[in-house]
Amino acid sequence: MAQAGCRVAPKELLLRFTALLVRFSLDPKDFRACMMTHGAVVSGSAALAVILPRPSSFVPNDIDIYVNSSGLSGLLKYILTRTPYTKETVLTRARGPDVAYSVLVGGTAMLTVRLLEDPLSGRSLNVVEASTRSPLSVVWGFHSTLVMNVVLHSGVGSAYPRHALEGVGVINCVRGRMVRRPALVQALDKYRRRGFRLYANLVDVFASQDRAVTSTPALSQHHCGTWAYCPQTTRDSLDPGMLWVPFPGYTSDDMLQGVPSVSWKLAHDGECCRELAPCPGWLEDVDGRRASIVTGF
């Protein structure tokens, strides 16, 4: 499917997601059925690994699963009784080598985080309970555009697909506040060590001469507040800048029936051509509740 200037093959995406689930000893058919039943989604580094072109992909150390409160108990029952992940630990802070964020439980985006481990293999799943009806309210508040991707039971979505496919991202943070979040700095460093390029804002993108990004005509010609990749633009999970690719057997309409309208705006440092006053972003959930974002999750 071609959208937002990107082309991704539905069959290939399904093959990648299936291979990932098998690697983690999860039955692909049963797990996707569980995702559908309980409204769960996969995001973080696992979703990024599914989206990345095969030659540059990596294998995540865990899988991050997001679900709302009503679907949590059913999801946990399935995992604890029908998969090897039988050891459960309720965490007070998101953690782990592949968690895409680190925030205190009880924040605006989540209620609980559970670490489910396979005692034999040592692999783990992170189950995050979203504080809203849609787990997408967590995903669109992540620390950078690189990881704002999601896998549904019926397909794959990316908020900034060109960034994800090229392995680059703009950080969802007011620059001066980053030093106050050591966990955020560590998370960003982890992705940089894997070869990804992360920039504080579009000013730094211009300065970098990163051809994967600067070769995009819209970067130098865009109107702030309208181009999907501009930090000043208000985005929505159903807007034209999104890339949604249904798996084989599903249509776009099938997939988007389960995608609510969730809007957000990135935290940034002002105009794209020069730095101005810090501009906090925001995230508005499916129920219309808006939370300010100074640093992403």
Protein backbone atom coordinates (compact mmCIF):
# COMPACT_ATOMS: atom_id res chain seq x y z
CA MET A 1 0.00 0.00 0.00
CA ALA A 2 1.31 3.46 -0.87
CA GLN A 3 0.40 6.34 1.40
CA ALA A 4 2.13 9.38 2.90
CA GLY A 5 4.90 9.00 0.32
CA CYS A 6 5.76 5.44 1.39
CA ARG A 7 5.20 1.99 -0.06
CA VAL A 8 4.98 -1.09 2.17
CA ALA A 9 3.85 -4.60 1.21
CA PRO A 10 1.01 -5.95 3.40
CA LYS A 11 2.12 -9.57 2.99
CA GLU A 12 5.70 -8.77 3.99
CA LEU A 13 4.53 -6.91 7.11
CA LEU A 14 2.43 -9.89 8.17
CA LEU A 15 5.37 -12.24 7.60
CA ARG A 16 7.60 -10.05 9.78
CA PHE A 17 5.03 -9.85 12.58
CA THR A 18 4.45 -13.60 12.42
CA ALA A 19 8.20 -14.29 12.61
CA LEU A 20 8.49 -11.97 15.61
CA LEU A 21 5.69 -13.76 17.47
CA VAL A 22 7.19 -17.17 16.71
CA ARG A 23 10.58 -16.00 18.00
CA PHE A 24 8.86 -15.12 21.28
CA SER A 25 7.07 -18.50 21.43
CA LEU A 26 3.65 -16.96 20.76
CA ASP A 27 1.18 -18.67 18.45
CA PRO A 28 0.59 -16.06 15.71
CA LYS A 29 -3.02 -17.00 14.97
CA ASP A 30 -4.06 -17.28 18.62
CA PHE A 31 -2.19 -14.15 19.69
CA ARG A 32 -3.72 -12.02 16.95
CA ALA A 33 -7.15 -13.35 17.90
CA CYS A 34 -6.44 -12.36 21.50
CA MET A 35 -5.40 -8.89 20.35
CA MET A 36 -8.68 -8.53 18.46
CA THR A 37 -10.83 -9.77 21.34
CA HIS A 38 -9.27 -7.53 23.97
CA GLY A 39 -8.35 -4.51 21.86
CA ALA A 40 -4.61 -4.90 22.46
CA VAL A 41 -1.88 -3.45 20.24
CA VAL A 42 1.88 -3.96 19.96
CA SER A 43 4.19 -0.95 19.82
CA GLY A 44 7.66 0.17 20.90
CA SER A 45 10.73 -1.47 19.40
CA ALA A 46 8.74 -4.55 18.32
CA ALA A 47 6.50 -2.48 16.04
CA LEU A 48 9.54 -0.63 14.69
CA ALA A 49 11.21 -3.97 13.88
CA VAL A 50 8.12 -5.00 11.89
CA ILE A 51 8.08 -1.77 9.88
CA LEU A 52 11.80 -1.50 9.11
CA PRO A 53 13.06 -2.94 5.81
CA ARG A 54 14.47 -6.40 6.40
CA PRO A 55 18.20 -5.64 5.77
CA SER A 56 18.26 -2.97 8.48
CA SER A 57 15.89 -4.58 10.95
CA PHE A 58 16.87 -5.69 14.42
CA VAL A 59 15.46 -8.19 16.91
CA PRO A 60 13.90 -6.57 19.99
CA ASN A 61 14.61 -8.07 23.39
CA ASP A 62 10.96 -7.91 24.44
CA ILE A 63 7.49 -7.06 23.14
CA ASP A 64 5.48 -4.12 24.46
CA ILE A 65 1.72 -4.72 24.50
CA TYR A 66 -0.80 -1.95 25.21
CA VAL A 67 -4.39 -2.49 26.28
CA ASN A 68 -7.14 -0.55 28.04
CA SER A 69 -8.51 -1.43 31.47
CA SER A 70 -11.48 -3.42 30.17
CA GLY A 71 -9.27 -5.69 28.08
CA LEU A 72 -6.46 -6.14 30.61
CA SER A 73 -7.76 -9.12 32.58
CA GLY A 74 -8.60 -11.15 29.47
CA LEU A 75 -5.23 -10.42 27.90
CA LEU A 76 -3.37 -11.38 31.08
CA LYS A 77 -5.38 -14.59 31.42
CA TYR A 78 -4.48 -15.60 27.89
CA ILE A 79 -0.77 -14.86 28.33
CA LEU A 80 -0.42 -16.46 31.76
CA THR A 81 -2.34 -19.64 30.91
CA ARG A 82 -1.64 -20.23 27.21
CA THR A 83 1.91 -18.99 26.69
CA PRO A 84 5.29 -19.63 28.39
CA TYR A 85 5.12 -16.22 30.10
CA THR A 86 4.01 -17.39 33.53
CA LYS A 87 6.00 -15.11 35.84
CA GLU A 88 4.22 -11.80 36.48
CA THR A 89 5.70 -8.71 38.15
CA VAL A 90 3.80 -5.45 38.58
CA LEU A 91 6.28 -2.63 38.09
CA THR A 92 6.23 0.85 39.56
CA ARG A 93 8.16 2.22 36.61
CA ALA A 94 8.36 1.13 33.01
CA ARG A 95 11.76 -0.42 32.41
CA GLY A 96 13.68 -2.91 30.34
CA PRO A 97 16.12 -2.73 27.45
CA ASP A 98 13.47 -2.16 24.80
CA VAL A 99 10.81 -0.09 26.52
CA ALA A 100 10.32 3.01 24.41
CA TYR A 101 9.72 5.30 27.36
CA SER A 102 10.04 5.53 31.13
CA VAL A 103 7.31 7.24 33.15
CA LEU A 104 5.94 6.73 36.60
CA VAL A 105 2.83 4.57 36.77
CA GLY A 106 -0.13 6.80 37.46
CA GLY A 107 0.86 9.34 34.80
CA THR A 108 -1.54 10.63 32.20
CA ALA A 109 -0.90 7.85 29.68
CA MET A 110 -0.89 4.65 31.72
CA LEU A 111 -2.20 3.03 34.85
CA THR A 112 -0.01 -0.06 35.32
CA VAL A 113 2.95 -1.83 33.75
CA ARG A 114 3.39 -5.59 34.09
CA LEU A 115 6.50 -7.58 33.25
CA LEU A 116 5.65 -11.13 32.12
CA GLU A 117 8.63 -13.45 31.85
CA ASP A 118 9.30 -16.86 30.36
CA PRO A 119 11.38 -18.60 33.09
CA LEU A 120 13.06 -20.91 30.58
CA SER A 121 14.04 -18.58 27.75
CA GLY A 122 14.40 -15.39 29.77
CA ARG A 123 12.36 -13.47 27.21
CA SER A 124 9.72 -11.05 28.41
CA LEU A 125 6.57 -9.16 27.49
CA ASN A 126 5.67 -5.73 28.87
CA VAL A 127 1.91 -5.29 29.29
CA VAL A 128 0.95 -1.62 29.66
CA GLU A 129 -2.52 -0.69 30.85
CA ALA A 130 -3.58 2.56 29.17
CA SER A 131 -5.48 5.10 31.23
CA THR A 132 -7.92 5.77 28.38
CA ARG A 133 -10.25 3.68 26.22
CA SER A 134 -7.71 3.55 23.42
CA PRO A 135 -4.09 2.39 23.86
CA LEU A 136 -3.19 4.66 20.94
CA SER A 137 -3.29 7.48 23.47
CA VAL A 138 0.00 6.08 24.77
CA VAL A 139 1.67 5.44 21.42
CA TRP A 140 1.27 8.96 20.03
CA GLY A 141 2.96 10.37 23.13
CA PHE A 142 6.23 8.44 22.75
CA HIS A 143 9.66 10.05 22.97
CA SER A 144 10.28 10.43 19.24
CA THR A 145 8.62 10.10 15.86
CA LEU A 146 10.82 7.05 15.20
CA VAL A 147 8.78 4.86 17.55
CA MET A 148 5.26 6.19 16.93
CA ASN A 149 4.22 2.95 15.23
CA VAL A 150 1.66 0.31 16.14
CA VAL A 151 0.67 -3.23 15.14
CA LEU A 152 -3.02 -4.13 15.36
CA HIS A 153 -4.42 -7.62 14.86
CA SER A 154 -5.50 -6.45 11.40
CA GLY A 155 -2.56 -4.38 10.22
CA VAL A 156 0.18 -1.86 10.88
CA GLY A 157 0.13 1.89 11.43
CA SER A 158 2.83 4.56 11.49
CA ALA A 159 2.39 8.22 12.39
CA TYR A 160 5.65 9.28 10.73
CA PRO A 161 6.30 6.49 8.20
CA ARG A 162 9.11 8.19 6.28
CA HIS A 163 11.01 8.63 9.55
CA ALA A 164 10.43 5.02 10.60
CA LEU A 165 11.40 3.55 7.23
CA GLU A 166 14.57 5.67 7.04
CA GLY A 167 15.54 4.99 10.66
CA VAL A 168 15.35 8.63 11.75
CA GLY A 169 13.23 10.56 14.21
CA VAL A 170 12.52 13.97 15.71
CA ILE A 171 12.48 13.96 19.50
CA ASN A 172 9.15 14.75 21.17
CA CYS A 173 10.63 17.04 23.79
CA VAL A 174 11.37 20.64 24.67
CA ARG A 175 15.16 20.63 24.42
CA GLY A 176 15.92 22.29 27.76
CA ARG A 177 13.89 19.73 29.68
CA MET A 178 15.65 16.66 28.32
CA VAL A 179 18.48 16.84 30.84
CA ARG A 180 15.92 16.49 33.63
CA ARG A 181 14.87 13.09 32.32
CA PRO A 182 17.88 10.75 32.51
CA ALA A 183 15.70 7.79 31.54
CA LEU A 184 14.66 9.59 28.36
CA VAL A 185 18.28 10.34 27.48
CA GLN A 186 19.16 6.67 28.05
CA ALA A 187 16.30 5.52 25.82
CA LEU A 188 17.39 7.84 23.02
CA ASP A 189 21.02 6.72 23.38
CA LYS A 190 19.91 3.11 23.09
CA TYR A 191 18.33 3.77 19.71
CA ARG A 192 21.35 5.76 18.55
CA ARG A 193 23.62 2.83 19.44
CA ARG A 194 21.48 0.70 17.15
CA GLY A 195 22.24 3.05 14.29
CA PHE A 196 19.13 5.23 14.34
CA ARG A 197 19.42 9.01 13.93
CA LEU A 198 17.46 11.17 16.35
CA TYR A 199 17.27 14.95 16.15
CA ALA A 200 16.08 17.51 18.68
CA ASN A 201 14.04 19.40 16.07
CA LEU A 202 13.92 20.30 12.39
CA VAL A 203 16.62 22.94 12.93
CA ASP A 204 19.02 20.10 13.74
CA VAL A 205 17.72 18.06 10.80
CA PHE A 206 18.63 20.91 8.42
CA ALA A 207 22.07 21.21 10.02
CA SER A 208 22.73 17.46 9.87
CA GLN A 209 22.60 17.22 6.07
CA ASP A 210 21.07 13.77 6.60
CA ARG A 211 20.10 12.99 3.01
CA ALA A 212 17.48 10.48 4.05
CA VAL A 213 15.50 13.38 5.46
CA THR A 214 16.76 16.56 3.77
CA SER A 215 16.13 15.08 0.31
CA THR A 216 12.41 15.33 1.03
CA PRO A 217 11.29 18.50 -0.81
CA ALA A 218 8.60 19.23 1.76
CA LEU A 219 11.20 19.63 4.50
CA SER A 220 12.59 22.86 3.07
CA GLN A 221 9.38 24.03 1.41
CA HIS A 222 6.70 23.13 3.91
CA HIS A 223 4.25 25.47 5.59
CA CYS A 224 4.55 25.15 9.35
CA GLY A 225 1.43 23.82 10.96
CA THR A 226 0.20 21.96 7.88
CA TRP A 227 2.91 19.44 6.83
CA ALA A 228 2.48 16.16 8.71
CA TYR A 229 6.15 16.00 9.77
CA CYS A 230 6.29 19.57 11.10
CA PRO A 231 6.31 19.59 14.93
CA GLN A 232 3.89 22.52 14.86
CA THR A 233 1.23 20.50 13.05
CA THR A 234 -1.70 19.04 14.95
CA ARG A 235 -1.90 15.36 14.03
CA ASP A 236 -4.64 12.75 14.28
CA SER A 237 -4.60 8.97 14.04
CA LEU A 238 -6.93 9.20 11.01
CA ASP A 239 -5.30 12.10 9.14
CA PRO A 240 -3.72 11.82 5.64
CA GLY A 241 -0.19 11.82 7.07
CA MET A 242 -0.73 8.42 8.70
CA LEU A 243 0.30 5.19 7.03
CA TRP A 244 -2.18 2.36 7.70
CA VAL A 245 -1.48 -0.98 6.00
CA PRO A 246 -4.02 -3.80 6.48
CA PHE A 247 -2.78 -7.37 6.65
CA PRO A 248 -3.89 -9.74 3.87
CA GLY A 249 -7.52 -10.71 4.42
CA TYR A 250 -8.46 -7.27 5.76
CA THR A 251 -9.47 -4.11 3.96
CA SER A 252 -8.54 -0.60 5.04
CA ASP A 253 -12.12 -0.12 6.24
CA ASP A 254 -11.91 -3.32 8.31
CA MET A 255 -8.75 -2.12 10.01
CA LEU A 256 -9.78 1.49 10.58
CA GLN A 257 -13.04 0.49 12.26
CA GLY A 258 -10.96 -0.19 15.35
CA VAL A 259 -8.89 3.00 15.12
CA PRO A 260 -10.34 5.94 17.06
CA SER A 261 -9.54 9.58 16.47
CA VAL A 262 -6.69 10.46 18.84
CA SER A 263 -4.91 13.78 18.26
CA TRP A 264 -1.54 15.13 19.37
CA LYS A 265 1.08 17.80 18.78
CA LEU A 266 4.80 17.28 19.33
CA ALA A 267 6.75 19.19 21.96
CA HIS A 268 9.30 21.41 20.20
CA ASP A 269 11.45 24.54 20.38
CA GLY A 270 9.57 26.94 18.12
CA GLU A 271 9.72 27.60 14.38
CA CYS A 272 11.35 25.01 12.14
CA CYS A 273 13.90 27.45 10.69
CA ARG A 274 15.11 28.85 14.01
CA GLU A 275 14.74 28.30 17.73
CA LEU A 276 12.23 30.35 19.67
CA ALA A 277 10.53 29.83 22.99
CA PRO A 278 9.94 26.22 24.10
CA CYS A 279 6.54 24.95 22.97
CA PRO A 280 5.09 22.04 24.98
CA GLY A 281 3.13 19.52 22.99
CA TRP A 282 -0.11 17.85 23.94
CA LEU A 283 -2.00 14.59 23.62
CA GLU A 284 -5.79 14.41 23.44
CA ASP A 285 -7.34 11.01 24.12
CA VAL A 286 -10.42 9.47 22.55
CA ASP A 287 -12.61 11.00 25.26
CA GLY A 288 -11.37 14.52 24.56
CA ARG A 289 -9.13 14.83 27.61
CA ARG A 290 -5.95 16.75 26.81
CA ALA A 291 -2.61 16.43 28.61
CA SER A 292 0.44 18.64 28.09
CA ILE A 293 3.69 17.02 26.91
CA VAL A 294 7.05 18.58 27.75
CA THR A 295 8.96 15.32 27.27
CA GLY A 296 7.59 12.23 25.53
CA PHE A 297 7.24 8.90 27.29
